[in-house]
Amino acid sequence: MSVQAYQQAAARAESPRDIEYRLFGQVTRALIAAAELDRGDLSGRMDALDWNRRMWSVLATDCAGSANQLPRQLRANIISLSLWVNRHTSAIMRNEAEFGPLIDVNKLMMQGLEPRNDASSAAA
């Protein structure tokens, strides 16, 4: 199977929630790896920070749109988190903050997006 065929099959099989969960996982792994780099490795650190910031920016933009069907308060909370991520990222870039809080917020978002199998959601 070609890579393109695999990607198309995966896209059809994944829900938007699954895709968001997978993206958060990839970005969070990049942040964890960047946090372990020497502070002098600006390129490696900045790439992960920029990816995370862009992801949160897209989430905020989506939540600000009138077509978004999430509850209004949840959308406002995601937008607020995006603003915080932006400020905290800038602080890390100035060596005034650490990666830990960004990683923690992403992990919390992943917990909320975590795929649930049918048996566990029926029991809940």
Protein backbone atom coordinates (compact mmCIF):
# COMPACT_ATOMS: atom_id res chain seq x y z
CA MET A 1 0.00 0.00 0.00
CA SER A 2 1.37 3.40 -0.88
CA VAL A 3 1.88 6.07 1.75
CA GLN A 4 -0.81 8.21 0.15
CA ALA A 5 -3.34 5.36 0.25
CA TYR A 6 -2.51 4.71 3.90
CA GLN A 7 -2.96 8.40 4.76
CA GLN A 8 -6.31 8.50 2.99
CA ALA A 9 -7.50 5.37 4.81
CA ALA A 10 -6.33 6.77 8.16
CA ALA A 11 -8.09 10.07 7.49
CA ARG A 12 -11.36 8.26 6.82
CA ALA A 13 -11.01 6.10 9.94
CA GLU A 14 -10.11 8.88 12.39
CA SER A 15 -12.64 11.22 13.91
CA PRO A 16 -11.72 14.90 14.33
CA ARG A 17 -11.30 14.18 18.05
CA ASP A 18 -8.86 11.34 17.28
CA ILE A 19 -6.89 13.60 14.96
CA GLU A 20 -6.68 16.32 17.63
CA TYR A 21 -5.54 13.75 20.21
CA ARG A 22 -2.83 12.46 17.87
CA LEU A 23 -1.67 16.01 17.04
CA PHE A 24 -1.48 16.95 20.73
CA GLY A 25 0.60 13.81 21.31
CA GLN A 26 3.04 14.67 18.54
CA VAL A 27 3.43 18.30 19.62
CA THR A 28 3.78 17.35 23.29
CA ARG A 29 6.50 14.80 22.49
CA ALA A 30 8.32 17.54 20.56
CA LEU A 31 8.04 19.88 23.58
CA ILE A 32 9.37 17.18 25.93
CA ALA A 33 12.34 16.58 23.63
CA ALA A 34 12.96 20.33 23.28
CA ALA A 35 12.87 20.79 27.05
CA GLU A 36 15.75 18.33 27.35
CA LEU A 37 17.91 20.21 24.85
CA ASP A 38 20.65 22.56 25.92
CA ARG A 39 19.40 26.16 26.19
CA GLY A 40 21.94 27.01 23.50
CA ASP A 41 20.13 24.81 20.97
CA LEU A 42 17.78 27.61 19.97
CA SER A 43 16.67 26.04 16.72
CA GLY A 44 15.50 22.78 18.29
CA ARG A 45 13.76 24.54 21.15
CA MET A 46 12.12 27.17 18.93
CA ASP A 47 10.81 24.65 16.41
CA ALA A 48 8.83 22.79 19.07
CA LEU A 49 7.62 26.00 20.71
CA ASP A 50 6.52 27.42 17.37
CA TRP A 51 4.66 24.21 16.45
CA ASN A 52 2.83 24.26 19.78
CA ARG A 53 1.98 27.94 19.46
CA ARG A 54 0.66 27.46 15.92
CA MET A 55 -1.48 24.50 17.01
CA TRP A 56 -3.04 26.53 19.82
CA SER A 57 -3.57 29.47 17.49
CA VAL A 58 -5.50 27.27 15.07
CA LEU A 59 -7.60 25.93 17.96
CA ALA A 60 -8.41 29.47 19.11
CA THR A 61 -9.27 30.58 15.59
CA ASP A 62 -11.58 27.59 15.18
CA CYS A 63 -13.23 28.26 18.54
CA ALA A 64 -13.81 31.91 17.60
CA GLY A 65 -15.72 30.90 14.48
CA SER A 66 -19.52 30.89 14.52
CA ALA A 67 -19.62 27.43 12.93
CA ASN A 68 -17.89 25.82 15.93
CA GLN A 69 -20.40 23.64 17.76
CA LEU A 70 -18.61 23.35 21.10
CA PRO A 71 -20.38 24.96 24.06
CA ARG A 72 -19.69 28.69 24.27
CA GLN A 73 -17.90 28.50 27.64
CA LEU A 74 -15.63 25.69 26.46
CA ARG A 75 -14.71 27.70 23.36
CA ALA A 76 -13.93 30.72 25.55
CA ASN A 77 -11.75 28.56 27.81
CA ILE A 78 -9.79 27.20 24.83
CA ILE A 79 -9.26 30.73 23.52
CA SER A 80 -8.04 31.83 26.97
CA LEU A 81 -5.65 28.88 27.12
CA SER A 82 -4.35 29.79 23.68
CA LEU A 83 -3.58 33.32 24.88
CA TRP A 84 -1.80 31.91 27.93
CA VAL A 85 0.20 29.48 25.74
CA ASN A 86 1.30 32.42 23.60
CA ARG A 87 2.47 34.43 26.62
CA HIS A 88 4.19 31.48 28.29
CA THR A 89 5.92 30.53 25.03
CA SER A 90 7.32 34.04 24.75
CA ALA A 91 8.59 33.78 28.32
CA ILE A 92 10.36 30.50 27.52
CA MET A 93 11.96 32.09 24.47
CA ARG A 94 13.31 34.85 26.74
CA ASN A 95 14.60 32.17 29.19
CA GLU A 96 12.16 33.45 31.83
CA ALA A 97 10.05 30.28 32.08
CA GLU A 98 10.23 26.51 31.68
CA PHE A 99 8.54 24.07 29.31
CA GLY A 100 6.80 22.12 32.10
CA PRO A 101 3.56 24.13 32.26
CA LEU A 102 3.09 23.97 28.48
CA ILE A 103 3.61 20.22 28.54
CA ASP A 104 1.18 19.86 31.47
CA VAL A 105 -1.57 21.84 29.69
CA ASN A 106 -1.16 19.75 26.55
CA LYS A 107 -1.33 16.53 28.57
CA LEU A 108 -4.52 17.73 30.26
CA MET A 109 -6.04 18.48 26.86
CA MET A 110 -5.06 14.99 25.73
CA GLN A 111 -6.84 13.49 28.73
CA GLY A 112 -10.00 15.28 27.66
CA LEU A 113 -9.60 14.12 24.07
CA GLU A 114 -8.51 10.58 24.92
CA PRO A 115 -10.24 8.04 22.68
CA ARG A 116 -12.83 6.03 24.52
CA ASN A 117 -13.88 2.56 23.50
CA ASP A 118 -17.60 1.77 23.32
CA ALA A 119 -17.59 -0.46 26.42
CA SER A 120 -16.13 2.19 28.72
CA SER A 121 -18.38 4.99 27.42
CA ALA A 122 -21.48 2.82 27.87
CA ALA A 123 -20.49 2.14 31.47
CA ALA A 124 -19.96 5.83 32.24
